[in-house]
N, C-alpha and C. Protein backbone atom coordinates (compact mmCIF):
# COMPACT_ATOMS: atom_id res chain seq x y z
N MET A 1 -52.83 -27.70 44.15
CA MET A 1 -53.35 -26.24 43.63
C MET A 1 -51.62 -25.84 43.12
N VAL A 2 -50.78 -25.50 44.18
CA VAL A 2 -49.98 -24.69 44.11
C VAL A 2 -49.06 -24.99 43.05
N LEU A 3 -49.18 -26.57 43.00
CA LEU A 3 -47.76 -26.69 41.42
C LEU A 3 -48.73 -26.43 39.95
N ARG A 4 -49.55 -26.11 40.21
CA ARG A 4 -50.55 -25.34 38.53
C ARG A 4 -49.62 -24.07 38.91
N ARG A 5 -49.75 -23.67 39.84
CA ARG A 5 -49.72 -21.77 40.00
C ARG A 5 -47.78 -22.02 39.54
N THR A 6 -47.27 -22.26 39.83
CA THR A 6 -45.78 -22.79 39.65
C THR A 6 -45.10 -22.79 38.56
N LYS A 7 -46.16 -23.59 38.01
CA LYS A 7 -45.66 -23.68 36.89
C LYS A 7 -45.63 -22.88 35.45
N PRO A 8 -46.84 -22.61 35.38
CA PRO A 8 -46.78 -20.86 34.73
C PRO A 8 -45.90 -19.79 35.20
N ASP A 9 -45.69 -19.55 36.07
CA ASP A 9 -44.40 -18.54 36.87
C ASP A 9 -43.00 -19.35 36.05
N ARG A 10 -42.97 -20.20 36.18
CA ARG A 10 -41.60 -20.92 35.49
C ARG A 10 -41.80 -20.66 34.26
N ARG A 11 -42.61 -21.26 33.35
CA ARG A 11 -42.70 -21.27 31.71
C ARG A 11 -42.35 -19.16 31.65
N LYS A 12 -43.00 -18.25 32.62
CA LYS A 12 -42.78 -17.21 32.04
C LYS A 12 -41.41 -16.64 32.56
N ARG A 13 -41.10 -17.28 33.65
CA ARG A 13 -39.96 -16.48 34.13
C ARG A 13 -39.02 -17.21 33.03
N ARG A 14 -38.44 -18.12 32.20
CA ARG A 14 -37.79 -18.62 31.22
C ARG A 14 -37.88 -18.23 30.51
N LEU A 15 -39.22 -17.81 29.80
CA LEU A 15 -39.32 -17.22 28.73
C LEU A 15 -38.95 -15.71 28.57
N ARG A 16 -38.81 -14.80 29.59
CA ARG A 16 -38.34 -13.69 29.65
C ARG A 16 -36.66 -13.96 29.97
N GLN A 17 -36.10 -14.81 30.93
CA GLN A 17 -34.98 -15.40 30.28
C GLN A 17 -34.41 -15.19 29.06
N HIS A 18 -35.49 -16.16 28.28
CA HIS A 18 -34.88 -16.74 26.43
C HIS A 18 -34.76 -15.34 25.97
N ILE A 19 -35.68 -14.75 26.06
CA ILE A 19 -35.95 -13.22 25.28
C ILE A 19 -34.96 -12.53 26.09
N LEU A 20 -34.21 -12.31 27.21
CA LEU A 20 -33.21 -11.50 27.62
C LEU A 20 -32.04 -11.74 26.71
N VAL A 21 -32.07 -13.09 27.06
CA VAL A 21 -30.18 -13.88 26.60
C VAL A 21 -30.87 -13.79 25.03
N LEU A 22 -31.40 -13.71 24.46
CA LEU A 22 -31.83 -13.26 22.93
C LEU A 22 -31.28 -11.94 22.45
N LEU A 23 -32.07 -11.30 23.16
CA LEU A 23 -31.87 -9.60 22.88
C LEU A 23 -29.63 -9.35 23.27
N GLY A 24 -29.39 -9.75 24.58
CA GLY A 24 -28.15 -9.95 24.21
C GLY A 24 -27.07 -9.67 23.15
N CYS A 25 -27.78 -11.41 22.72
CA CYS A 25 -27.01 -11.96 22.05
C CYS A 25 -26.74 -10.75 20.45
N LEU A 26 -28.43 -11.02 20.28
CA LEU A 26 -28.85 -9.78 19.02
C LEU A 26 -27.73 -8.43 19.17
N SER A 27 -27.80 -7.96 20.38
CA SER A 27 -27.31 -6.42 20.86
C SER A 27 -25.51 -6.81 19.93
N MET A 28 -25.00 -7.81 20.98
CA MET A 28 -23.36 -8.04 20.64
C MET A 28 -23.37 -8.19 19.15
N SER A 29 -24.30 -9.04 18.97
CA SER A 29 -23.83 -8.86 17.28
C SER A 29 -23.98 -8.04 16.72
N ALA A 30 -25.08 -7.23 16.87
CA ALA A 30 -24.89 -5.46 16.20
C ALA A 30 -23.53 -4.65 16.52
N TYR A 31 -23.14 -5.01 17.54
CA TYR A 31 -22.53 -4.07 18.21
C TYR A 31 -21.01 -4.86 17.47
N PHE A 32 -20.45 -5.51 17.12
CA PHE A 32 -19.50 -6.44 16.72
C PHE A 32 -19.91 -6.17 14.86
N VAL A 33 -20.56 -6.55 14.16
CA VAL A 33 -21.36 -5.57 13.23
C VAL A 33 -20.85 -4.37 13.06
N HIS A 34 -21.16 -3.38 13.73
CA HIS A 34 -21.35 -2.06 13.39
C HIS A 34 -19.48 -1.98 13.49
N HIS A 35 -19.00 -2.39 13.98
CA HIS A 35 -17.77 -1.93 14.32
C HIS A 35 -16.77 -2.84 13.31
N THR A 36 -17.24 -3.93 12.90
CA THR A 36 -16.43 -4.22 11.58
C THR A 36 -16.61 -3.50 10.20
N ILE A 37 -17.86 -2.80 10.21
CA ILE A 37 -18.01 -1.96 9.04
C ILE A 37 -17.37 -0.60 9.04
N THR A 38 -17.61 -0.06 10.53
CA THR A 38 -16.80 1.39 10.62
C THR A 38 -16.39 1.65 11.38
N GLY A 39 -15.68 0.52 12.23
CA GLY A 39 -14.44 0.27 12.89
C GLY A 39 -13.54 1.06 12.85
N LYS A 40 -12.55 1.37 13.29
CA LYS A 40 -11.11 1.94 13.26
C LYS A 40 -10.24 0.77 12.00
N HIS A 41 -10.60 -0.48 12.28
CA HIS A 41 -10.11 -1.47 11.36
C HIS A 41 -11.16 -2.10 10.58
N GLY A 42 -12.09 -1.67 10.44
CA GLY A 42 -13.19 -2.18 9.66
C GLY A 42 -12.95 -1.83 7.94
N LEU A 43 -14.35 -2.10 6.97
CA LEU A 43 -13.99 -2.40 5.89
C LEU A 43 -14.12 -0.85 5.39
N GLU A 44 -14.67 0.09 5.95
CA GLU A 44 -14.29 1.29 5.41
C GLU A 44 -12.84 1.68 5.46
N ALA A 45 -12.28 1.63 6.96
CA ALA A 45 -11.03 2.09 6.98
C ALA A 45 -9.87 1.33 5.72
N ARG A 46 -10.42 0.07 5.35
CA ARG A 46 -9.85 -0.79 4.43
C ARG A 46 -9.77 0.32 3.24
N SER A 47 -10.79 0.33 3.10
CA SER A 47 -11.24 0.56 1.45
C SER A 47 -10.94 2.26 1.34
N ARG A 48 -10.70 2.93 2.38
CA ARG A 48 -10.01 4.21 2.24
C ARG A 48 -8.54 3.77 2.34
N LEU A 49 -7.58 2.87 2.73
CA LEU A 49 -6.65 3.16 2.75
C LEU A 49 -5.78 2.15 1.00
N ILE A 50 -7.04 1.50 0.97
CA ILE A 50 -6.69 0.86 -0.61
C ILE A 50 -6.56 1.77 -1.63
N GLN A 51 -7.20 3.01 -1.54
CA GLN A 51 -7.86 4.16 -2.65
C GLN A 51 -6.25 4.91 -1.96
N ARG A 52 -5.84 5.04 -0.91
CA ARG A 52 -4.82 6.17 -0.72
C ARG A 52 -3.38 5.14 -1.40
N SER A 53 -3.51 4.12 -1.15
CA SER A 53 -1.99 3.24 -1.65
C SER A 53 -2.14 3.00 -3.05
N LYS A 54 -3.28 3.19 -3.56
CA LYS A 54 -3.01 3.69 -4.96
C LYS A 54 -2.68 4.81 -5.69
N VAL A 55 -3.01 5.63 -4.46
CA VAL A 55 -2.52 7.41 -5.07
C VAL A 55 -1.13 7.89 -5.11
N LEU A 56 -0.80 6.54 -3.80
CA LEU A 56 0.62 6.86 -3.62
C LEU A 56 1.76 5.83 -4.05
N GLU A 57 1.19 4.96 -4.96
CA GLU A 57 2.19 4.31 -5.75
C GLU A 57 3.14 4.67 -6.70
N PRO A 58 2.49 5.48 -7.81
CA PRO A 58 3.25 5.95 -8.62
C PRO A 58 4.84 6.95 -8.10
N GLN A 59 4.12 7.68 -6.69
CA GLN A 59 5.12 8.78 -6.17
C GLN A 59 6.22 7.26 -5.52
N ILE A 60 5.70 6.09 -5.21
CA ILE A 60 6.85 5.13 -4.44
C ILE A 60 7.48 4.86 -5.34
N ALA A 61 7.23 4.73 -6.62
CA ALA A 61 7.95 4.26 -7.28
C ALA A 61 9.03 5.26 -8.53
N GLY A 62 8.80 6.49 -8.68
CA GLY A 62 9.25 7.14 -8.35
C GLY A 62 10.59 7.69 -7.86
N LEU A 63 10.19 8.03 -6.14
CA LEU A 63 11.27 7.83 -5.02
C LEU A 63 11.65 6.96 -4.94
N GLU A 64 11.96 5.74 -5.44
CA GLU A 64 12.42 4.52 -5.58
C GLU A 64 13.70 4.55 -6.83
N THR A 65 13.16 4.99 -8.25
CA THR A 65 14.44 5.32 -9.09
C THR A 65 15.16 6.67 -8.31
N VAL A 66 15.20 7.24 -7.83
CA VAL A 66 15.46 8.43 -7.41
C VAL A 66 16.94 7.36 -6.25
N GLN A 67 16.08 6.90 -5.53
CA GLN A 67 16.86 5.93 -4.48
C GLN A 67 18.26 4.76 -5.29
N ALA A 68 18.11 4.44 -6.52
CA ALA A 68 18.75 3.83 -6.97
C ALA A 68 19.92 4.95 -7.73
N VAL A 69 19.56 5.99 -8.11
CA VAL A 69 20.53 6.70 -8.36
C VAL A 69 21.24 7.17 -7.14
N LEU A 70 20.46 7.37 -6.20
CA LEU A 70 21.63 8.15 -5.15
C LEU A 70 22.64 6.83 -4.59
N LEU A 71 21.84 5.72 -4.65
CA LEU A 71 22.85 5.29 -3.97
C LEU A 71 24.03 4.48 -4.69
N ARG A 72 24.01 4.63 -6.33
CA ARG A 72 24.72 4.45 -7.49
C ARG A 72 25.88 5.84 -7.21
N ASP A 73 25.70 6.96 -6.69
CA ASP A 73 26.29 8.40 -6.69
C ASP A 73 27.25 8.26 -5.54
N VAL A 74 26.44 6.89 -4.29
CA VAL A 74 27.12 7.01 -3.22
C VAL A 74 28.59 6.07 -3.14
N LEU A 75 27.90 4.94 -4.24
CA LEU A 75 28.64 4.01 -4.39
C LEU A 75 29.76 3.90 -4.59
N LEU A 76 29.86 5.37 -5.77
CA LEU A 76 31.08 6.62 -6.76
C LEU A 76 31.75 6.94 -5.83
N LEU A 77 31.43 6.40 -4.37
CA LEU A 77 32.66 7.22 -3.25
C LEU A 77 33.24 6.92 -2.49
N ARG A 78 33.34 5.58 -2.67
CA ARG A 78 33.90 4.39 -2.22
C ARG A 78 35.69 4.96 -2.38
N PRO A 79 36.70 4.42 -1.65
CA PRO A 79 37.97 5.22 -1.63
C PRO A 79 38.64 3.97 -2.66
N ASP A 80 38.14 3.56 -2.86
CA ASP A 80 38.65 2.30 -4.26
C ASP A 80 38.71 3.27 -5.22
N PRO A 81 39.40 2.78 -6.63
CA PRO A 81 39.26 3.63 -8.14
C PRO A 81 38.00 2.77 -9.20
N PRO A 82 37.47 3.68 -8.91
CA PRO A 82 36.15 3.24 -9.75
C PRO A 82 36.23 2.31 -11.17
N HIS A 83 35.75 1.32 -11.39
CA HIS A 83 35.98 0.52 -13.33
C HIS A 83 35.87 1.21 -13.98
N GLY A 84 36.93 1.28 -14.92
CA GLY A 84 37.02 2.32 -15.91
C GLY A 84 35.82 1.92 -16.92
N ASP A 85 35.38 0.81 -16.80
CA ASP A 85 34.02 1.23 -18.09
C ASP A 85 33.30 2.26 -17.46
N LEU A 86 32.94 2.13 -16.01
CA LEU A 86 31.90 3.32 -15.50
C LEU A 86 32.19 4.61 -15.48
N VAL A 87 33.50 4.76 -15.62
CA VAL A 87 34.11 5.75 -15.74
C VAL A 87 34.02 6.68 -17.03
N GLU A 88 33.87 5.65 -18.02
CA GLU A 88 33.65 6.00 -19.34
C GLU A 88 32.48 6.51 -19.96
N GLU A 89 31.68 5.68 -19.08
CA GLU A 89 29.94 5.60 -19.07
C GLU A 89 29.32 6.82 -18.57
N ILE A 90 30.16 7.52 -17.79
CA ILE A 90 29.67 9.00 -17.25
C ILE A 90 30.04 10.04 -17.66
N ALA A 91 31.17 10.01 -18.68
CA ALA A 91 32.22 10.83 -19.34
C ALA A 91 31.08 11.29 -20.81
N ILE A 92 30.80 10.02 -20.69
CA ILE A 92 30.02 9.92 -22.66
C ILE A 92 28.74 10.35 -21.91
N GLY A 93 28.41 10.29 -21.26
CA GLY A 93 26.25 10.68 -20.62
C GLY A 93 26.30 12.03 -20.35
N VAL A 94 27.91 12.12 -19.31
CA VAL A 94 27.36 13.65 -18.66
C VAL A 94 28.45 14.58 -19.52
N LEU A 95 29.70 14.51 -19.77
CA LEU A 95 30.85 15.50 -20.12
C LEU A 95 30.44 15.60 -21.97
N GLY A 96 29.69 14.23 -23.01
CA GLY A 96 29.44 14.49 -23.76
C GLY A 96 30.92 13.81 -24.77
N MET A 97 31.77 13.48 -23.94
CA MET A 97 33.30 12.84 -24.60
C MET A 97 33.09 11.68 -25.06
N ALA A 98 33.88 11.44 -26.25
CA ALA A 98 33.74 10.19 -26.68
C ALA A 98 35.37 9.61 -26.90
N ARG A 99 35.58 8.75 -27.41
CA ARG A 99 36.64 8.04 -27.53
C ARG A 99 36.92 8.28 -28.88
N PRO A 100 38.62 8.54 -29.52
CA PRO A 100 38.54 8.90 -31.10
C PRO A 100 38.13 8.47 -31.91
N GLY A 101 38.65 6.47 -32.11
CA GLY A 101 37.75 5.88 -32.61
C GLY A 101 36.05 5.72 -32.61
N ASP A 102 35.17 6.53 -31.94
CA ASP A 102 33.75 5.91 -31.75
C ASP A 102 32.95 6.62 -32.73
N ARG A 103 32.43 6.17 -33.46
CA ARG A 103 31.14 6.89 -34.32
C ARG A 103 29.76 7.74 -33.68
N ILE A 104 29.99 8.79 -33.87
CA ILE A 104 28.70 9.58 -33.15
C ILE A 104 27.60 10.12 -34.31
N VAL A 105 26.34 9.35 -33.77
CA VAL A 105 24.89 9.52 -34.51
C VAL A 105 24.53 11.16 -34.04
N LEU A 106 24.50 11.64 -34.24
CA LEU A 106 23.15 13.19 -34.09
C LEU A 106 22.21 13.18 -34.67
N LEU A 107 21.06 13.30 -34.18
CA LEU A 107 19.54 13.34 -34.58
C LEU A 107 18.99 14.94 -34.66
N ARG A 108 18.47 14.94 -35.49
CA ARG A 108 17.84 16.35 -35.24
C ARG A 108 16.34 16.64 -34.39
N PRO A 109 16.23 17.36 -33.68
CA PRO A 109 15.04 17.46 -33.00
C PRO A 109 13.74 17.13 -33.48
N ASP A 110 13.18 17.42 -34.68
CA ASP A 110 12.18 16.95 -35.57
C ASP A 110 11.91 15.35 -35.80
N ALA A 111 13.43 15.07 -35.95
CA ALA A 111 13.57 13.20 -35.63
C ALA A 111 13.41 12.67 -35.20
N ARG A 112 13.61 13.33 -33.67
CA ARG A 112 13.55 12.27 -32.51
C ARG A 112 11.84 12.12 -32.66
N GLN A 113 11.16 13.17 -32.70
CA GLN A 113 9.45 13.44 -32.19
C GLN A 113 9.10 12.18 -33.49
N ALA A 114 9.57 12.06 -34.62
CA ALA A 114 9.27 11.36 -35.53
C ALA A 114 9.25 9.32 -35.21
N ALA A 115 10.84 9.56 -34.95
CA ALA A 115 10.65 8.41 -34.26
C ALA A 115 9.98 7.63 -33.59
N PRO A 116 9.35 6.25 -33.82
CA PRO A 116 8.35 5.33 -32.51
C PRO A 116 9.25 5.25 -31.21
């Protein structure tokens, strides 16, 4: 009779242990799922970063163009003399100068708007 009493007790104890292990696994799974979605490095944070990067991409492109212009200006400050073509390009663009044999085409302001 003693053996019969211990068997149901063992079964109940094992059932309780299995239930506790199952609850522990479920709670840990819930914890990790929660932090996967809402954590510091979760899916919501990732979507916010993607949205922010879409907003910042045009600004980055603008700053890269400014950087290229500044780099070109810095390279012009080198101690060795600049290339003749570069000097001519700057003179034409900034000062509006041209060589005596060059042909100059002037567009009227309304012609610039009509041209595609």
